[in-house]
Amino acid sequence: MSVKPRTNLLLDTGIMILFVAVLLSGLLLWTVYPAGGTRAGRGHGDGAAETAVLALDKHTLVTAHEWGGVIVGLLVLLHLLFHWKWITCQAKRVFAHTPPSRRTPARACTDAPCPDA
């Protein structure tokens, strides 16, 4: 396997794993942990910090959830940059003011650089 497909596989796998982790932590925060006790100072003393699931208190889970979301966002941006040539080629092909019979075939945007119309 060459470098580009391996990099793409690792990037997509990282996005998927972190997305599932952020999804699960969000579901835990939404369903298991009581409301309140946020960093904004609301809800102090309501017992929110005393509840622990999987040995994670609410503050630790919120921090992991937030950082996981930031990292997923950065990885998605990296993924878009990694495929930018393909994205621009497809956009030119779809939004071109040429009749469908004269458009570049979709397969031309996969490996070869996007031809000028």
N, C-alpha and C. Protein backbone atom coordinates (compact mmCIF):
# COMPACT_ATOMS: atom_id res chain seq x y z
N MET A 1 0.85 -1.17 0.00
CA MET A 1 0.00 0.00 0.00
C MET A 1 0.90 1.23 0.00
N SER A 2 0.60 2.15 -0.91
CA SER A 2 1.43 3.36 -0.99
C SER A 2 1.10 4.32 0.15
N VAL A 3 1.81 5.42 0.18
CA VAL A 3 1.71 6.35 1.31
C VAL A 3 0.35 7.04 1.36
N LYS A 4 -0.17 7.51 0.22
CA LYS A 4 -1.41 8.27 0.23
C LYS A 4 -2.61 7.44 0.70
N PRO A 5 -2.82 6.22 0.19
CA PRO A 5 -3.94 5.43 0.73
C PRO A 5 -3.78 5.07 2.20
N ARG A 6 -2.55 4.80 2.63
CA ARG A 6 -2.32 4.47 4.04
C ARG A 6 -2.63 5.68 4.92
N THR A 7 -2.20 6.86 4.49
CA THR A 7 -2.48 8.08 5.25
C THR A 7 -3.98 8.33 5.31
N ASN A 8 -4.66 8.14 4.18
CA ASN A 8 -6.10 8.33 4.14
C ASN A 8 -6.80 7.34 5.07
N LEU A 9 -6.36 6.09 5.07
CA LEU A 9 -6.95 5.08 5.94
C LEU A 9 -6.76 5.44 7.41
N LEU A 10 -5.55 5.86 7.78
CA LEU A 10 -5.29 6.25 9.17
C LEU A 10 -6.11 7.47 9.58
N LEU A 11 -6.19 8.44 8.69
CA LEU A 11 -6.95 9.66 8.97
C LEU A 11 -8.43 9.34 9.15
N ASP A 12 -9.00 8.56 8.23
CA ASP A 12 -10.42 8.21 8.31
C ASP A 12 -10.71 7.33 9.53
N THR A 13 -9.81 6.43 9.87
CA THR A 13 -9.98 5.58 11.04
C THR A 13 -9.95 6.43 12.32
N GLY A 14 -9.02 7.38 12.38
CA GLY A 14 -8.96 8.27 13.54
C GLY A 14 -10.22 9.10 13.69
N ILE A 15 -10.75 9.60 12.56
CA ILE A 15 -12.00 10.37 12.60
C ILE A 15 -13.13 9.50 13.12
N MET A 16 -13.22 8.27 12.61
CA MET A 16 -14.31 7.38 13.02
C MET A 16 -14.22 7.04 14.51
N ILE A 17 -13.05 6.68 14.99
CA ILE A 17 -12.88 6.30 16.40
C ILE A 17 -13.20 7.47 17.31
N LEU A 18 -12.66 8.65 16.99
CA LEU A 18 -12.93 9.81 17.84
C LEU A 18 -14.39 10.25 17.76
N PHE A 19 -15.00 10.12 16.57
CA PHE A 19 -16.41 10.46 16.44
C PHE A 19 -17.27 9.58 17.35
N VAL A 20 -16.99 8.28 17.35
CA VAL A 20 -17.75 7.36 18.21
C VAL A 20 -17.51 7.71 19.68
N ALA A 21 -16.27 8.02 20.05
CA ALA A 21 -15.96 8.38 21.44
C ALA A 21 -16.70 9.65 21.85
N VAL A 22 -16.73 10.66 20.98
CA VAL A 22 -17.43 11.91 21.29
C VAL A 22 -18.94 11.65 21.35
N LEU A 23 -19.45 10.82 20.46
CA LEU A 23 -20.87 10.47 20.48
C LEU A 23 -21.25 9.79 21.79
N LEU A 24 -20.46 8.79 22.20
CA LEU A 24 -20.75 8.07 23.44
C LEU A 24 -20.62 8.97 24.66
N SER A 25 -19.59 9.81 24.69
CA SER A 25 -19.44 10.70 25.84
C SER A 25 -20.57 11.73 25.87
N GLY A 26 -21.03 12.19 24.72
CA GLY A 26 -22.17 13.10 24.68
C GLY A 26 -23.44 12.43 25.17
N LEU A 27 -23.65 11.17 24.78
CA LEU A 27 -24.82 10.45 25.27
C LEU A 27 -24.76 10.24 26.77
N LEU A 28 -23.56 9.92 27.29
CA LEU A 28 -23.41 9.78 28.75
C LEU A 28 -23.71 11.09 29.47
N LEU A 29 -23.16 12.18 28.94
CA LEU A 29 -23.40 13.48 29.57
C LEU A 29 -24.87 13.87 29.51
N TRP A 30 -25.55 13.48 28.47
CA TRP A 30 -26.93 13.86 28.27
C TRP A 30 -27.89 13.00 29.11
N THR A 31 -27.57 11.71 29.25
CA THR A 31 -28.52 10.81 29.89
C THR A 31 -28.16 10.42 31.32
N VAL A 32 -26.89 10.24 31.63
CA VAL A 32 -26.49 9.68 32.93
C VAL A 32 -26.19 10.76 33.95
N TYR A 33 -25.40 11.76 33.56
CA TYR A 33 -24.99 12.77 34.52
C TYR A 33 -26.09 13.81 34.72
N PRO A 34 -26.30 14.24 35.95
CA PRO A 34 -27.34 15.24 36.20
C PRO A 34 -26.95 16.59 35.62
N ALA A 35 -27.95 17.40 35.36
CA ALA A 35 -27.70 18.74 34.82
C ALA A 35 -27.06 19.62 35.89
N GLY A 36 -26.36 20.65 35.44
CA GLY A 36 -25.73 21.60 36.37
C GLY A 36 -24.28 21.26 36.60
N GLY A 37 -23.64 22.07 37.42
CA GLY A 37 -22.24 21.85 37.75
C GLY A 37 -21.31 22.15 36.60
N THR A 38 -21.69 23.09 35.75
CA THR A 38 -20.86 23.43 34.62
C THR A 38 -19.75 24.39 35.03
N ARG A 39 -18.86 24.64 34.11
CA ARG A 39 -17.74 25.55 34.40
C ARG A 39 -18.20 26.99 34.55
N ALA A 40 -19.43 27.29 34.13
CA ALA A 40 -19.93 28.66 34.23
C ALA A 40 -20.34 29.01 35.66
N GLY A 41 -20.31 28.03 36.55
CA GLY A 41 -20.60 28.30 37.95
C GLY A 41 -22.01 27.99 38.35
N ARG A 42 -22.83 27.48 37.45
CA ARG A 42 -24.21 27.14 37.80
C ARG A 42 -24.24 25.77 38.46
N GLY A 43 -25.12 25.59 39.37
CA GLY A 43 -25.40 24.27 39.93
C GLY A 43 -24.38 23.74 40.90
N HIS A 44 -23.63 24.57 41.57
CA HIS A 44 -22.67 24.07 42.56
C HIS A 44 -23.41 23.43 43.72
N GLY A 45 -22.91 22.31 44.17
CA GLY A 45 -23.48 21.66 45.32
C GLY A 45 -24.66 20.77 45.02
N ASP A 46 -24.92 20.47 43.74
CA ASP A 46 -26.07 19.62 43.41
C ASP A 46 -25.69 18.15 43.27
N GLY A 47 -24.45 17.80 43.55
CA GLY A 47 -24.03 16.41 43.48
C GLY A 47 -23.60 15.97 42.10
N ALA A 48 -23.51 16.87 41.15
CA ALA A 48 -23.16 16.50 39.78
C ALA A 48 -21.74 15.94 39.70
N ALA A 49 -20.85 16.47 40.49
CA ALA A 49 -19.46 16.03 40.43
C ALA A 49 -19.26 14.71 41.16
N GLU A 50 -20.23 14.30 42.00
CA GLU A 50 -20.06 13.08 42.78
C GLU A 50 -20.38 11.83 41.96
N THR A 51 -21.20 11.95 40.92
CA THR A 51 -21.55 10.81 40.08
C THR A 51 -20.36 10.45 39.20
N ALA A 52 -20.05 9.15 39.12
CA ALA A 52 -18.94 8.71 38.27
C ALA A 52 -19.38 7.48 37.50
N VAL A 53 -19.14 7.50 36.21
CA VAL A 53 -19.42 6.36 35.33
C VAL A 53 -18.10 5.96 34.69
N LEU A 54 -17.78 4.68 34.74
CA LEU A 54 -16.51 4.17 34.20
C LEU A 54 -15.32 4.90 34.82
N ALA A 55 -15.43 5.23 36.08
CA ALA A 55 -14.39 5.92 36.86
C ALA A 55 -14.09 7.31 36.31
N LEU A 56 -15.04 7.91 35.59
CA LEU A 56 -14.88 9.27 35.09
C LEU A 56 -15.92 10.16 35.74
N ASP A 57 -15.45 11.21 36.41
CA ASP A 57 -16.40 12.17 36.93
C ASP A 57 -16.87 13.08 35.80
N LYS A 58 -17.86 13.90 36.06
CA LYS A 58 -18.46 14.73 35.02
C LYS A 58 -17.45 15.71 34.42
N HIS A 59 -16.65 16.32 35.26
CA HIS A 59 -15.67 17.30 34.76
C HIS A 59 -14.68 16.65 33.79
N THR A 60 -14.18 15.48 34.13
CA THR A 60 -13.23 14.77 33.25
C THR A 60 -13.90 14.39 31.94
N LEU A 61 -15.14 13.92 32.01
CA LEU A 61 -15.84 13.51 30.80
C LEU A 61 -16.15 14.71 29.91
N VAL A 62 -16.53 15.83 30.50
CA VAL A 62 -16.79 17.05 29.72
C VAL A 62 -15.51 17.50 29.02
N THR A 63 -14.40 17.47 29.74
CA THR A 63 -13.12 17.88 29.16
C THR A 63 -12.74 16.95 28.00
N ALA A 64 -12.86 15.64 28.20
CA ALA A 64 -12.54 14.68 27.13
C ALA A 64 -13.48 14.86 25.95
N HIS A 65 -14.75 15.12 26.21
CA HIS A 65 -15.73 15.32 25.14
C HIS A 65 -15.39 16.56 24.32
N GLU A 66 -15.05 17.65 25.00
CA GLU A 66 -14.71 18.89 24.30
C GLU A 66 -13.44 18.74 23.47
N TRP A 67 -12.39 18.18 24.04
CA TRP A 67 -11.14 18.00 23.30
C TRP A 67 -11.30 16.99 22.17
N GLY A 68 -12.10 15.95 22.39
CA GLY A 68 -12.37 15.00 21.32
C GLY A 68 -13.07 15.67 20.15
N GLY A 69 -14.02 16.54 20.45
CA GLY A 69 -14.71 17.28 19.39
C GLY A 69 -13.79 18.20 18.63
N VAL A 70 -12.89 18.87 19.33
CA VAL A 70 -11.92 19.75 18.67
C VAL A 70 -11.00 18.94 17.75
N ILE A 71 -10.52 17.81 18.24
CA ILE A 71 -9.62 16.98 17.44
C ILE A 71 -10.35 16.40 16.23
N VAL A 72 -11.60 15.97 16.41
CA VAL A 72 -12.38 15.47 15.26
C VAL A 72 -12.53 16.58 14.22
N GLY A 73 -12.83 17.79 14.67
CA GLY A 73 -12.96 18.91 13.74
C GLY A 73 -11.68 19.17 12.97
N LEU A 74 -10.55 19.13 13.66
CA LEU A 74 -9.26 19.34 12.98
C LEU A 74 -8.96 18.21 11.99
N LEU A 75 -9.28 16.98 12.38
CA LEU A 75 -9.04 15.85 11.47
C LEU A 75 -9.95 15.93 10.24
N VAL A 76 -11.18 16.40 10.41
CA VAL A 76 -12.07 16.56 9.26
C VAL A 76 -11.54 17.65 8.34
N LEU A 77 -11.04 18.74 8.90
CA LEU A 77 -10.41 19.78 8.06
C LEU A 77 -9.21 19.23 7.31
N LEU A 78 -8.39 18.43 7.98
CA LEU A 78 -7.25 17.80 7.33
C LEU A 78 -7.72 16.86 6.22
N HIS A 79 -8.80 16.13 6.47
CA HIS A 79 -9.37 15.23 5.47
C HIS A 79 -9.82 16.03 4.24
N LEU A 80 -10.48 17.18 4.46
CA LEU A 80 -10.91 18.02 3.34
C LEU A 80 -9.71 18.56 2.57
N LEU A 81 -8.66 18.97 3.26
CA LEU A 81 -7.45 19.43 2.58
C LEU A 81 -6.80 18.31 1.79
N PHE A 82 -6.82 17.12 2.34
CA PHE A 82 -6.23 15.95 1.70
C PHE A 82 -6.93 15.64 0.37
N HIS A 83 -8.24 15.92 0.30
CA HIS A 83 -9.03 15.62 -0.89
C HIS A 83 -9.46 16.88 -1.64
N TRP A 84 -8.77 17.99 -1.43
CA TRP A 84 -9.18 19.27 -1.99
C TRP A 84 -9.21 19.26 -3.52
N LYS A 85 -8.24 18.63 -4.15
CA LYS A 85 -8.20 18.59 -5.60
C LYS A 85 -9.44 17.87 -6.15
N TRP A 86 -9.82 16.77 -5.53
CA TRP A 86 -11.00 16.03 -5.97
C TRP A 86 -12.26 16.85 -5.75
N ILE A 87 -12.35 17.56 -4.59
CA ILE A 87 -13.52 18.37 -4.28
C ILE A 87 -13.70 19.48 -5.31
N THR A 88 -12.61 20.19 -5.62
CA THR A 88 -12.71 21.28 -6.60
C THR A 88 -13.02 20.74 -7.99
N CYS A 89 -12.47 19.60 -8.35
CA CYS A 89 -12.75 19.01 -9.65
C CYS A 89 -14.23 18.66 -9.77
N GLN A 90 -14.78 18.04 -8.73
CA GLN A 90 -16.20 17.67 -8.75
C GLN A 90 -17.08 18.92 -8.78
N ALA A 91 -16.70 19.94 -8.03
CA ALA A 91 -17.50 21.18 -8.01
C ALA A 91 -17.50 21.83 -9.39
N LYS A 92 -16.35 21.87 -10.03
CA LYS A 92 -16.29 22.44 -11.38
C LYS A 92 -17.15 21.63 -12.33
N ARG A 93 -17.10 20.33 -12.19
CA ARG A 93 -17.86 19.46 -13.08
C ARG A 93 -19.36 19.62 -12.87
N VAL A 94 -19.79 19.72 -11.63
CA VAL A 94 -21.22 19.82 -11.33
C VAL A 94 -21.77 21.20 -11.67
N PHE A 95 -21.02 22.25 -11.36
CA PHE A 95 -21.53 23.60 -11.54
C PHE A 95 -21.12 24.25 -12.85
N ALA A 96 -20.52 23.49 -13.76
CA ALA A 96 -20.12 24.03 -15.06
C ALA A 96 -21.37 24.37 -15.88
N HIS A 97 -21.24 25.39 -16.70
CA HIS A 97 -22.36 25.81 -17.54
C HIS A 97 -22.26 25.13 -18.91
N THR A 98 -21.94 23.87 -18.89
CA THR A 98 -21.88 23.11 -20.14
C THR A 98 -22.97 22.05 -20.12
N PRO A 99 -23.47 21.70 -21.28
CA PRO A 99 -24.50 20.66 -21.30
C PRO A 99 -23.93 19.33 -20.81
N PRO A 100 -24.77 18.47 -20.26
CA PRO A 100 -24.29 17.19 -19.71
C PRO A 100 -23.52 16.35 -20.72
N SER A 101 -23.83 16.49 -21.99
CA SER A 101 -23.12 15.69 -22.99
C SER A 101 -21.66 16.10 -23.14
N ARG A 102 -21.31 17.34 -22.78
CA ARG A 102 -19.94 17.83 -22.93
C ARG A 102 -19.16 17.86 -21.62
N ARG A 103 -19.81 17.46 -20.51
CA ARG A 103 -19.14 17.50 -19.21
C ARG A 103 -18.05 16.45 -19.12
N THR A 104 -17.08 16.73 -18.24
CA THR A 104 -16.02 15.78 -17.96
C THR A 104 -16.61 14.57 -17.25
N PRO A 105 -16.28 13.37 -17.66
CA PRO A 105 -16.81 12.20 -16.94
C PRO A 105 -16.33 12.19 -15.49
N ALA A 106 -17.15 11.66 -14.61
CA ALA A 106 -16.81 11.63 -13.18
C ALA A 106 -15.52 10.87 -12.93
N ARG A 107 -15.24 9.84 -13.71
CA ARG A 107 -14.02 9.06 -13.49
C ARG A 107 -12.76 9.87 -13.77
N ALA A 108 -12.87 10.98 -14.51
CA ALA A 108 -11.69 11.80 -14.79
C ALA A 108 -11.21 12.54 -13.55
N CYS A 109 -12.04 12.64 -12.53
CA CYS A 109 -11.67 13.37 -11.32
C CYS A 109 -11.04 12.46 -10.25
N THR A 110 -10.88 11.20 -10.53
CA THR A 110 -10.39 10.29 -9.48
C THR A 110 -8.88 10.32 -9.37
N ASP A 111 -8.17 10.01 -10.43
CA ASP A 111 -6.71 9.90 -10.35
C ASP A 111 -6.00 11.03 -11.08
N ALA A 112 -6.47 11.33 -12.26
CA ALA A 112 -5.81 12.34 -13.08
C ALA A 112 -6.19 13.74 -12.57
N PRO A 113 -5.34 14.73 -12.84
CA PRO A 113 -5.72 16.09 -12.48
C PRO A 113 -6.96 16.50 -13.27
N CYS A 114 -7.73 17.38 -12.71
CA CYS A 114 -8.98 17.79 -13.33
C CYS A 114 -8.71 18.52 -14.62
N PRO A 115 -9.25 18.04 -15.74
CA PRO A 115 -9.00 18.71 -17.03
C PRO A 115 -9.79 20.00 -17.11
N ASP A 116 -9.23 20.98 -17.81
CA ASP A 116 -9.93 22.24 -18.01
C ASP A 116 -10.99 22.06 -19.09
N ALA A 117 -12.15 22.62 -18.86
CA ALA A 117 -13.26 22.45 -19.80
C ALA A 117 -13.18 23.47 -20.91
